[in-house]
PDB file of all heavy atoms in Angstrom:
ATOM      1  N   ASN A   1     -38.368 103.956 -38.821  1.00  0.00           N
ATOM      2  CA  ASN A   1     -38.025 102.566 -39.214  1.00  0.00           C
ATOM      3  C   ASN A   1     -36.521 102.328 -39.093  1.00  0.00           C
ATOM      4  O   ASN A   1     -36.094 101.250 -38.651  1.00  0.00           O
ATOM      5  CB  ASN A   1     -38.462 102.315 -40.671  1.00  0.00           C
ATOM      6  CG  ASN A   1     -39.969 102.232 -40.820  1.00  0.00           C
ATOM      7  OD1 ASN A   1     -40.671 101.954 -39.840  1.00  0.00           O
ATOM      8  ND2 ASN A   1     -40.492 102.455 -42.000  1.00  0.00           N
ATOM      9  N   ALA A   2     -35.737 103.357 -39.450  1.00  0.00           N
ATOM     10  CA  ALA A   2     -34.281 103.246 -39.335  1.00  0.00           C
ATOM     11  C   ALA A   2     -33.873 103.104 -37.848  1.00  0.00           C
ATOM     12  O   ALA A   2     -32.959 102.303 -37.557  1.00  0.00           O
ATOM     13  CB  ALA A   2     -33.604 104.463 -39.962  1.00  0.00           C
ATOM     14  N   LEU A   3     -34.546 103.810 -36.984  1.00  0.00           N
ATOM     15  CA  LEU A   3     -34.255 103.701 -35.537  1.00  0.00           C
ATOM     16  C   LEU A   3     -34.530 102.291 -35.052  1.00  0.00           C
ATOM     17  O   LEU A   3     -33.757 101.708 -34.328  1.00  0.00           O
ATOM     18  CB  LEU A   3     -35.048 104.732 -34.768  1.00  0.00           C
ATOM     19  CG  LEU A   3     -34.864 104.728 -33.238  1.00  0.00           C
ATOM     20  CD1 LEU A   3     -33.408 104.973 -32.872  1.00  0.00           C
ATOM     21  CD2 LEU A   3     -35.768 105.794 -32.572  1.00  0.00           C
ATOM     22  N   GLU A   4     -35.658 101.759 -35.441  1.00  0.00           N
ATOM     23  CA  GLU A   4     -36.019 100.389 -35.029  1.00  0.00           C
ATOM     24  C   GLU A   4     -35.029  99.395 -35.595  1.00  0.00           C
ATOM     25  O   GLU A   4     -34.673  98.411 -34.909  1.00  0.00           O
ATOM     26  CB  GLU A   4     -37.442 100.081 -35.501  1.00  0.00           C
ATOM     27  CG  GLU A   4     -38.521 100.869 -34.758  1.00  0.00           C
ATOM     28  CD  GLU A   4     -39.910 100.614 -35.276  1.00  0.00           C
ATOM     29  OE1 GLU A   4     -40.032  99.855 -36.256  1.00  0.00           O
ATOM     30  OE2 GLU A   4     -40.862 101.186 -34.708  1.00  0.00           O
ATOM     31  N   ASP A   5     -34.580  99.631 -36.815  1.00  0.00           N
ATOM     32  CA  ASP A   5     -33.585  98.754 -37.442  1.00  0.00           C
ATOM     33  C   ASP A   5     -32.256  98.800 -36.658  1.00  0.00           C
ATOM     34  O   ASP A   5     -31.591  97.772 -36.425  1.00  0.00           O
ATOM     35  CB  ASP A   5     -33.311  99.119 -38.894  1.00  0.00           C
ATOM     36  CG  ASP A   5     -34.495  98.760 -39.787  1.00  0.00           C
ATOM     37  OD1 ASP A   5     -35.346  97.962 -39.384  1.00  0.00           O
ATOM     38  OD2 ASP A   5     -34.549  99.302 -40.919  1.00  0.00           O
ATOM     39  N   CYS A   6     -31.869 100.006 -36.223  1.00  0.00           N
ATOM     40  CA  CYS A   6     -30.637 100.197 -35.464  1.00  0.00           C
ATOM     41  C   CYS A   6     -30.701  99.482 -34.112  1.00  0.00           C
ATOM     42  O   CYS A   6     -29.756  98.853 -33.652  1.00  0.00           O
ATOM     43  CB  CYS A   6     -30.336 101.666 -35.260  1.00  0.00           C
ATOM     44  SG  CYS A   6     -29.713 102.500 -36.739  1.00  0.00           S
ATOM     45  N   ILE A   7     -31.868  99.588 -33.480  1.00  0.00           N
ATOM     46  CA  ILE A   7     -32.047  98.923 -32.169  1.00  0.00           C
ATOM     47  C   ILE A   7     -31.978  97.408 -32.323  1.00  0.00           C
ATOM     48  O   ILE A   7     -31.360  96.711 -31.512  1.00  0.00           O
ATOM     49  CB  ILE A   7     -33.405  99.347 -31.537  1.00  0.00           C
ATOM     50  CG1 ILE A   7     -33.358 100.828 -31.164  1.00  0.00           C
ATOM     51  CG2 ILE A   7     -33.727  98.501 -30.292  1.00  0.00           C
ATOM     52  CD1 ILE A   7     -34.676 101.407 -30.721  1.00  0.00           C
ATOM     53  N   GLU A   8     -32.633  96.927 -33.381  1.00  0.00           N
ATOM     54  CA  GLU A   8     -32.585  95.474 -33.648  1.00  0.00           C
ATOM     55  C   GLU A   8     -31.155  95.024 -33.941  1.00  0.00           C
ATOM     56  O   GLU A   8     -30.728  93.979 -33.499  1.00  0.00           O
ATOM     57  CB  GLU A   8     -33.521  95.143 -34.834  1.00  0.00           C
ATOM     58  CG  GLU A   8     -33.618  93.678 -35.145  1.00  0.00           C
ATOM     59  CD  GLU A   8     -34.183  92.823 -34.013  1.00  0.00           C
ATOM     60  OE1 GLU A   8     -34.858  93.391 -33.136  1.00  0.00           O
ATOM     61  OE2 GLU A   8     -33.913  91.603 -34.025  1.00  0.00           O
ATOM     62  N   LYS A   9     -30.406  95.839 -34.709  1.00  0.00           N
ATOM     63  CA  LYS A   9     -29.022  95.522 -35.038  1.00  0.00           C
ATOM     64  C   LYS A   9     -28.179  95.471 -33.754  1.00  0.00           C
ATOM     65  O   LYS A   9     -27.339  94.571 -33.617  1.00  0.00           O
ATOM     66  CB  LYS A   9     -28.483  96.570 -36.025  1.00  0.00           C
ATOM     67  CG  LYS A   9     -27.103  96.222 -36.567  1.00  0.00           C
ATOM     68  CD  LYS A   9     -26.551  97.359 -37.435  1.00  0.00           C
ATOM     69  CE  LYS A   9     -27.455  97.614 -38.662  1.00  0.00           C
ATOM     70  NZ  LYS A   9     -26.905  98.669 -39.531  1.00  0.00           N
ATOM     71  N   ALA A  10     -28.387  96.429 -32.874  1.00  0.00           N
ATOM     72  CA  ALA A  10     -27.673  96.438 -31.604  1.00  0.00           C
ATOM     73  C   ALA A  10     -28.032  95.234 -30.754  1.00  0.00           C
ATOM     74  O   ALA A  10     -27.179  94.643 -30.057  1.00  0.00           O
ATOM     75  CB  ALA A  10     -27.979  97.721 -30.828  1.00  0.00           C
ATOM     76  N   ARG A  11     -29.266  94.805 -30.823  1.00  0.00           N
ATOM     77  CA  ARG A  11     -29.745  93.656 -30.055  1.00  0.00           C
ATOM     78  C   ARG A  11     -29.082  92.361 -30.543  1.00  0.00           C
ATOM     79  O   ARG A  11     -28.682  91.481 -29.792  1.00  0.00           O
ATOM     80  CB  ARG A  11     -31.252  93.563 -30.139  1.00  0.00           C
ATOM     81  CG  ARG A  11     -31.872  92.445 -29.278  1.00  0.00           C
ATOM     82  CD  ARG A  11     -33.358  92.408 -29.412  1.00  0.00           C
ATOM     83  NE  ARG A  11     -33.980  93.584 -28.808  1.00  0.00           N
ATOM     84  CZ  ARG A  11     -34.707  94.464 -29.456  1.00  0.00           C
ATOM     85  NH1 ARG A  11     -34.905  94.322 -30.772  1.00  0.00           N
ATOM     86  NH2 ARG A  11     -35.240  95.493 -28.862  1.00  0.00           N
ATOM     87  N   LEU A  12     -28.976  92.260 -31.866  1.00  0.00           N
ATOM     88  CA  LEU A  12     -28.391  91.044 -32.465  1.00  0.00           C
ATOM     89  C   LEU A  12     -26.866  91.004 -32.358  1.00  0.00           C
ATOM     90  O   LEU A  12     -26.271  89.919 -32.353  1.00  0.00           O
ATOM     91  CB  LEU A  12     -28.791  90.959 -33.951  1.00  0.00           C
ATOM     92  CG  LEU A  12     -30.312  90.749 -34.214  1.00  0.00           C
ATOM     93  CD1 LEU A  12     -30.578  90.823 -35.716  1.00  0.00           C
ATOM     94  CD2 LEU A  12     -30.761  89.415 -33.652  1.00  0.00           C
ATOM     95  N   ASN A  13     -26.259  92.193 -32.268  1.00  0.00           N
ATOM     96  CA  ASN A  13     -24.785  92.262 -32.217  1.00  0.00           C
ATOM     97  C   ASN A  13     -24.393  92.912 -30.867  1.00  0.00           C
ATOM     98  O   ASN A  13     -23.616  93.873 -30.844  1.00  0.00           O
ATOM     99  CB  ASN A  13     -24.256  93.085 -33.387  1.00  0.00           C
ATOM    100  CG  ASN A  13     -24.625  92.476 -34.724  1.00  0.00           C
ATOM    101  OD1 ASN A  13     -24.019  91.495 -35.165  1.00  0.00           O
ATOM    102  ND2 ASN A  13     -25.646  93.035 -35.364  1.00  0.00           N
ATOM    103  N   PHE A  14     -24.961  92.405 -29.789  1.00  0.00           N
ATOM    104  CA  PHE A  14     -24.772  93.024 -28.464  1.00  0.00           C
ATOM    105  C   PHE A  14     -23.325  93.067 -28.001  1.00  0.00           C
ATOM    106  O   PHE A  14     -22.968  93.880 -27.151  1.00  0.00           O
ATOM    107  CB  PHE A  14     -25.650  92.299 -27.429  1.00  0.00           C
ATOM    108  CG  PHE A  14     -25.272  90.849 -27.236  1.00  0.00           C
ATOM    109  CD1 PHE A  14     -24.325  90.496 -26.291  1.00  0.00           C
ATOM    110  CD2 PHE A  14     -25.881  89.850 -27.977  1.00  0.00           C
ATOM    111  CE1 PHE A  14     -23.975  89.157 -26.102  1.00  0.00           C
ATOM    112  CE2 PHE A  14     -25.556  88.509 -27.804  1.00  0.00           C
ATOM    113  CZ  PHE A  14     -24.564  88.166 -26.873  1.00  0.00           C
ATOM    114  N   ALA A  15     -22.484  92.164 -28.537  1.00  0.00           N
ATOM    115  CA  ALA A  15     -21.088  92.137 -28.080  1.00  0.00           C
ATOM    116  C   ALA A  15     -20.230  93.214 -28.759  1.00  0.00           C
ATOM    117  O   ALA A  15     -19.102  93.465 -28.343  1.00  0.00           O
ATOM    118  CB  ALA A  15     -20.484  90.747 -28.376  1.00  0.00           C
ATOM    119  N   GLU A  16     -20.764  93.844 -29.795  1.00  0.00           N
ATOM    120  CA  GLU A  16     -19.996  94.853 -30.532  1.00  0.00           C
ATOM    121  C   GLU A  16     -20.291  96.269 -29.950  1.00  0.00           C
ATOM    122  O   GLU A  16     -21.403  96.523 -29.489  1.00  0.00           O
ATOM    123  CB  GLU A  16     -20.352  94.822 -32.012  1.00  0.00           C
ATOM    124  CG  GLU A  16     -20.009  93.507 -32.691  1.00  0.00           C
ATOM    125  CD  GLU A  16     -20.373  93.499 -34.160  1.00  0.00           C
ATOM    126  OE1 GLU A  16     -20.751  94.576 -34.672  1.00  0.00           O
ATOM    127  OE2 GLU A  16     -20.300  92.431 -34.783  1.00  0.00           O
ATOM    128  N   LYS A  17     -19.319  97.134 -30.072  1.00  0.00           N
ATOM    129  CA  LYS A  17     -19.477  98.509 -29.649  1.00  0.00           C
ATOM    130  C   LYS A  17     -20.453  99.249 -30.581  1.00  0.00           C
ATOM    131  O   LYS A  17     -20.362  99.147 -31.787  1.00  0.00           O
ATOM    132  CB  LYS A  17     -18.151  99.225 -29.625  1.00  0.00           C
ATOM    133  CG  LYS A  17     -18.227 100.660 -29.117  1.00  0.00           C
ATOM    134  CD  LYS A  17     -16.836 101.282 -29.105  1.00  0.00           C
ATOM    135  CE  LYS A  17     -16.896 102.721 -28.591  1.00  0.00           C
ATOM    136  NZ  LYS A  17     -15.560 103.375 -28.576  1.00  0.00           N
ATOM    137  N   ILE A  18     -21.387  99.977 -29.993  1.00  0.00           N
ATOM    138  CA  ILE A  18     -22.371 100.702 -30.780  1.00  0.00           C
ATOM    139  C   ILE A  18     -21.739 102.004 -31.335  1.00  0.00           C
ATOM    140  O   ILE A  18     -21.177 102.798 -30.582  1.00  0.00           O
ATOM    141  CB  ILE A  18     -23.619 101.040 -29.958  1.00  0.00           C
ATOM    142  CG1 ILE A  18     -24.384  99.766 -29.583  1.00  0.00           C
ATOM    143  CG2 ILE A  18     -24.545 102.003 -30.707  1.00  0.00           C
ATOM    144  CD1 ILE A  18     -25.616 100.021 -28.714  1.00  0.00           C
ATOM    145  N   ASP A  19     -21.809 102.170 -32.625  1.00  0.00           N
ATOM    146  CA  ASP A  19     -21.289 103.394 -33.266  1.00  0.00           C
ATOM    147  C   ASP A  19     -22.472 104.397 -33.339  1.00  0.00           C
ATOM    148  O   ASP A  19     -23.270 104.396 -34.260  1.00  0.00           O
ATOM    149  CB  ASP A  19     -20.789 103.080 -34.675  1.00  0.00           C
ATOM    150  CG  ASP A  19     -20.054 104.259 -35.305  1.00  0.00           C
ATOM    151  OD1 ASP A  19     -20.363 105.405 -34.933  1.00  0.00           O
ATOM    152  OD2 ASP A  19     -19.181 104.032 -36.157  1.00  0.00           O
ATOM    153  N   ILE A  20     -22.540 105.248 -32.316  1.00  0.00           N
ATOM    154  CA  ILE A  20     -23.691 106.160 -32.173  1.00  0.00           C
ATOM    155  C   ILE A  20     -23.744 107.133 -33.327  1.00  0.00           C
ATOM    156  O   ILE A  20     -24.820 107.385 -33.887  1.00  0.00           O
ATOM    157  CB  ILE A  20     -23.584 106.934 -30.850  1.00  0.00           C
ATOM    158  CG1 ILE A  20     -23.659 105.958 -29.675  1.00  0.00           C
ATOM    159  CG2 ILE A  20     -24.711 107.980 -30.745  1.00  0.00           C
ATOM    160  CD1 ILE A  20     -23.500 106.615 -28.309  1.00  0.00           C
ATOM    161  N   GLU A  21     -22.599 107.674 -33.739  1.00  0.00           N
ATOM    162  CA  GLU A  21     -22.579 108.645 -34.817  1.00  0.00           C
ATOM    163  C   GLU A  21     -23.086 108.037 -36.147  1.00  0.00           C
ATOM    164  O   GLU A  21     -23.867 108.661 -36.866  1.00  0.00           O
ATOM    165  CB  GLU A  21     -21.165 109.174 -34.996  1.00  0.00           C
ATOM    166  CG  GLU A  21     -21.116 110.469 -35.786  1.00  0.00           C
ATOM    167  CD  GLU A  21     -19.792 111.244 -35.563  1.00  0.00           C
ATOM    168  OE1 GLU A  21     -19.217 111.145 -34.477  1.00  0.00           O
ATOM    169  OE2 GLU A  21     -19.399 111.905 -36.510  1.00  0.00           O
ATOM    170  N   LYS A  22     -22.644 106.816 -36.409  1.00  0.00           N
ATOM    171  CA  LYS A  22     -23.048 106.138 -37.638  1.00  0.00           C
ATOM    172  C   LYS A  22     -24.538 105.828 -37.629  1.00  0.00           C
ATOM    173  O   LYS A  22     -25.267 106.093 -38.627  1.00  0.00           O
ATOM    174  CB  LYS A  22     -22.265 104.828 -37.815  1.00  0.00           C
ATOM    175  CG  LYS A  22     -22.615 104.063 -39.068  1.00  0.00           C
ATOM    176  CD  LYS A  22     -21.774 102.798 -39.186  1.00  0.00           C
ATOM    177  CE  LYS A  22     -22.166 101.988 -40.430  1.00  0.00           C
ATOM    178  NZ  LYS A  22     -21.386 100.740 -40.530  1.00  0.00           N
ATOM    179  N   MET A  23     -25.050 105.347 -36.514  1.00  0.00           N
ATOM    180  CA  MET A  23     -26.466 105.036 -36.378  1.00  0.00           C
ATOM    181  C   MET A  23     -27.341 106.279 -36.476  1.00  0.00           C
ATOM    182  O   MET A  23     -28.411 106.284 -37.055  1.00  0.00           O
ATOM    183  CB  MET A  23     -26.741 104.295 -35.081  1.00  0.00           C
ATOM    184  CG  MET A  23     -26.222 102.884 -35.061  1.00  0.00           C
ATOM    185  SD  MET A  23     -26.726 101.995 -33.553  1.00  0.00           S
ATOM    186  CE  MET A  23     -26.260 100.317 -33.963  1.00  0.00           C
ATOM    187  N   ALA A  24     -26.853 107.382 -35.884  1.00  0.00           N
ATOM    188  CA  ALA A  24     -27.603 108.642 -35.938  1.00  0.00           C
ATOM    189  C   ALA A  24     -27.758 109.110 -37.391  1.00  0.00           C
ATOM    190  O   ALA A  24     -28.822 109.591 -37.794  1.00  0.00           O
ATOM    191  CB  ALA A  24     -26.898 109.717 -35.099  1.00  0.00           C
ATOM    192  N   LYS A  25     -26.686 108.980 -38.168  1.00  0.00           N
ATOM    193  CA  LYS A  25     -26.740 109.387 -39.569  1.00  0.00           C
ATOM    194  C   LYS A  25     -27.718 108.520 -40.351  1.00  0.00           C
ATOM    195  O   LYS A  25     -28.456 108.999 -41.215  1.00  0.00           O
ATOM    196  CB  LYS A  25     -25.351 109.300 -40.214  1.00  0.00           C
ATOM    197  CG  LYS A  25     -24.412 110.399 -39.747  1.00  0.00           C
ATOM    198  CD  LYS A  25     -23.033 110.285 -40.403  1.00  0.00           C
ATOM    199  CE  LYS A  25     -22.099 111.381 -39.964  1.00  0.00           C
ATOM    200  NZ  LYS A  25     -20.765 111.260 -40.591  1.00  0.00           N
ATOM    201  N   GLU A  26     -27.739 107.228 -40.030  1.00  0.00           N
ATOM    202  CA  GLU A  26     -28.672 106.313 -40.714  1.00  0.00           C
ATOM    203  C   GLU A  26     -30.121 106.683 -40.408  1.00  0.00           C
ATOM    204  O   GLU A  26     -30.989 106.507 -41.246  1.00  0.00           O
ATOM    205  CB  GLU A  26     -28.411 104.862 -40.266  1.00  0.00           C
ATOM    206  CG  GLU A  26     -27.097 104.299 -40.780  1.00  0.00           C
ATOM    207  CD  GLU A  26     -26.833 102.885 -40.227  1.00  0.00           C
ATOM    208  OE1 GLU A  26     -27.694 102.382 -39.498  1.00  0.00           O
ATOM    209  OE2 GLU A  26     -25.761 102.317 -40.569  1.00  0.00           O
ATOM    210  N   CYS A  27     -30.342 107.242 -39.220  1.00  0.00           N
ATOM    211  CA  CYS A  27     -31.709 107.620 -38.827  1.00  0.00           C
ATOM    212  C   CYS A  27     -32.029 109.071 -39.178  1.00  0.00           C
ATOM    213  O   CYS A  27     -33.126 109.563 -38.882  1.00  0.00           O
ATOM    214  CB  CYS A  27     -31.877 107.436 -37.292  1.00  0.00           C
ATOM    215  SG  CYS A  27     -31.699 105.749 -36.753  1.00  0.00           S
ATOM    216  N   LYS A  28     -31.040 109.766 -39.787  1.00  0.00           N
ATOM    217  CA  LYS A  28     -31.198 111.189 -40.153  1.00  0.00           C
ATOM    218  C   LYS A  28     -31.501 112.039 -38.928  1.00  0.00           C
ATOM    219  O   LYS A  28     -32.363 112.914 -38.951  1.00  0.00           O
ATOM    220  CB  LYS A  28     -32.308 111.351 -41.222  1.00  0.00           C
ATOM    221  CG  LYS A  28     -32.030 110.597 -42.493  1.00  0.00           C
ATOM    222  CD  LYS A  28     -33.147 110.768 -43.524  1.00  0.00           C
ATOM    223  CE  LYS A  28     -32.845 109.975 -44.789  1.00  0.00           C
ATOM    224  NZ  LYS A  28     -33.934 110.096 -45.784  1.00  0.00           N
ATOM    225  N   LEU A  29     -30.771 111.735 -37.821  1.00  0.00           N
ATOM    226  CA  LEU A  29     -30.936 112.481 -36.602  1.00  0.00           C
ATOM    227  C   LEU A  29     -29.558 112.948 -36.139  1.00  0.00           C
ATOM    228  O   LEU A  29     -28.529 112.396 -36.540  1.00  0.00           O
ATOM    229  CB  LEU A  29     -31.509 111.560 -35.481  1.00  0.00           C
ATOM    230  CG  LEU A  29     -32.907 110.976 -35.708  1.00  0.00           C
ATOM    231  CD1 LEU A  29     -33.161 109.905 -34.633  1.00  0.00           C
ATOM    232  CD2 LEU A  29     -33.976 112.050 -35.654  1.00  0.00           C
ATOM    233  N   SER A  30     -29.553 113.989 -35.292  1.00  0.00           N
ATOM    234  CA  SER A  30     -28.271 114.403 -34.690  1.00  0.00           C
ATOM    235  C   SER A  30     -27.921 113.343 -33.638  1.00  0.00           C
ATOM    236  O   SER A  30     -28.764 112.516 -33.239  1.00  0.00           O
ATOM    237  CB  SER A  30     -28.415 115.767 -34.024  1.00  0.00           C
ATOM    238  OG  SER A  30     -29.240 115.671 -32.867  1.00  0.00           O
ATOM    239  N   LYS A  31     -26.693 113.375 -33.165  1.00  0.00           N
ATOM    240  CA  LYS A  31     -26.252 112.358 -32.210  1.00  0.00           C
ATOM    241  C   LYS A  31     -27.093 112.392 -30.928  1.00  0.00           C
ATOM    242  O   LYS A  31     -27.497 111.363 -30.399  1.00  0.00           O
ATOM    243  CB  LYS A  31     -24.765 112.592 -31.867  1.00  0.00           C
ATOM    244  CG  LYS A  31     -24.149 111.449 -31.066  1.00  0.00           C
ATOM    245  CD  LYS A  31     -22.733 111.756 -30.637  1.00  0.00           C
ATOM    246  CE  LYS A  31     -21.765 111.866 -31.770  1.00  0.00           C
ATOM    247  NZ  LYS A  31     -20.382 112.098 -31.302  1.00  0.00           N
ATOM    248  N   PHE A  32     -27.339 113.630 -30.415  1.00  0.00           N
ATOM    249  CA  PHE A  32     -28.054 113.688 -29.156  1.00  0.00           C
ATOM    250  C   PHE A  32     -29.532 113.357 -29.330  1.00  0.00           C
ATOM    251  O   PHE A  32     -30.179 112.819 -28.417  1.00  0.00           O
ATOM    252  CB  PHE A  32     -27.848 115.049 -28.476  1.00  0.00           C
ATOM    253  CG  PHE A  32     -28.838 116.115 -28.806  1.00  0.00           C
ATOM    254  CD1 PHE A  32     -29.980 116.292 -28.055  1.00  0.00           C
ATOM    255  CD2 PHE A  32     -28.611 117.007 -29.843  1.00  0.00           C
ATOM    256  CE1 PHE A  32     -30.858 117.295 -28.340  1.00  0.00           C
ATOM    257  CE2 PHE A  32     -29.494 118.009 -30.146  1.00  0.00           C
ATOM    258  CZ  PHE A  32     -30.638 118.136 -29.376  1.00  0.00           C
ATOM    259  N   GLN A  33     -30.101 113.662 -30.528  1.00  0.00           N
ATOM    260  CA  GLN A  33     -31.499 113.257 -30.763  1.00  0.00           C
ATOM    261  C   GLN A  33     -31.597 111.746 -30.821  1.00  0.00           C
ATOM    262  O   GLN A  33     -32.520 111.131 -30.285  1.00  0.00           O
ATOM    263  CB  GLN A  33     -32.005 113.854 -32.057  1.00  0.00           C
ATOM    264  CG  GLN A  33     -32.382 115.320 -31.973  1.00  0.00           C
ATOM    265  CD  GLN A  33     -32.833 115.858 -33.333  1.00  0.00           C
ATOM    266  OE1 GLN A  33     -32.243 115.546 -34.372  1.00  0.00           O
ATOM    267  NE2 GLN A  33     -33.873 116.638 -33.329  1.00  0.00           N
ATOM    268  N   PHE A  34     -30.597 111.103 -31.447  1.00  0.00           N
ATOM    269  CA  PHE A  34     -30.580 109.630 -31.541  1.00  0.00           C
ATOM    270  C   PHE A  34     -30.556 109.006 -30.128  1.00  0.00           C
ATOM    271  O   PHE A  34     -31.285 108.096 -29.836  1.00  0.00           O
ATOM    272  CB  PHE A  34     -29.390 109.177 -32.365  1.00  0.00           C
ATOM    273  CG  PHE A  34     -29.255 107.694 -32.415  1.00  0.00           C
ATOM    274  CD1 PHE A  34     -30.045 106.898 -33.227  1.00  0.00           C
ATOM    275  CD2 PHE A  34     -28.305 107.054 -31.590  1.00  0.00           C
ATOM    276  CE1 PHE A  34     -29.940 105.519 -33.261  1.00  0.00           C
ATOM    277  CE2 PHE A  34     -28.176 105.656 -31.621  1.00  0.00           C
ATOM    278  CZ  PHE A  34     -29.003 104.894 -32.451  1.00  0.00           C
ATOM    279  N   ILE A  35     -29.655 109.535 -29.272  1.00  0.00           N
ATOM    280  CA  ILE A  35     -29.557 109.006 -27.911  1.00  0.00           C
ATOM    281  C   ILE A  35     -30.866 109.174 -27.199  1.00  0.00           C
ATOM    282  O   ILE A  35     -31.322 108.237 -26.475  1.00  0.00           O
ATOM    283  CB  ILE A  35     -28.393 109.745 -27.148  1.00  0.00           C
ATOM    284  CG1 ILE A  35     -27.048 109.421 -27.778  1.00  0.00           C
ATOM    285  CG2 ILE A  35     -28.396 109.351 -25.671  1.00  0.00           C
ATOM    286  CD1 ILE A  35     -25.906 110.237 -27.243  1.00  0.00           C
ATOM    287  N   ARG A  36     -31.477 110.322 -27.361  1.00  0.00           N
ATOM    288  CA  ARG A  36     -32.732 110.594 -26.677  1.00  0.00           C
ATOM    289  C   ARG A  36     -33.848 109.650 -27.123  1.00  0.00           C
ATOM    290  O   ARG A  36     -34.560 109.059 -26.320  1.00  0.00           O
ATOM    291  CB  ARG A  36     -33.167 112.058 -26.932  1.00  0.00           C
ATOM    292  CG  ARG A  36     -34.488 112.459 -26.334  1.00  0.00           C
ATOM    293  CD  ARG A  36     -34.761 113.918 -26.575  1.00  0.00           C
ATOM    294  NE  ARG A  36     -36.073 114.263 -26.064  1.00  0.00           N
ATOM    295  CZ  ARG A  36     -37.187 114.089 -26.769  1.00  0.00           C
ATOM    296  NH1 ARG A  36     -37.141 113.603 -27.980  1.00  0.00           N
ATOM    297  NH2 ARG A  36     -38.364 114.444 -26.253  1.00  0.00           N
TER     298      ARG A  36
END
């Protein structure tokens, strides 16, 4: 659910730089797992 929320957040704020490390922590994933 957190991953889907992050994707939706990125979609709504497409002009902003994505903070991968912050989003990965929100999803309780490592950075490379989040990217994958």
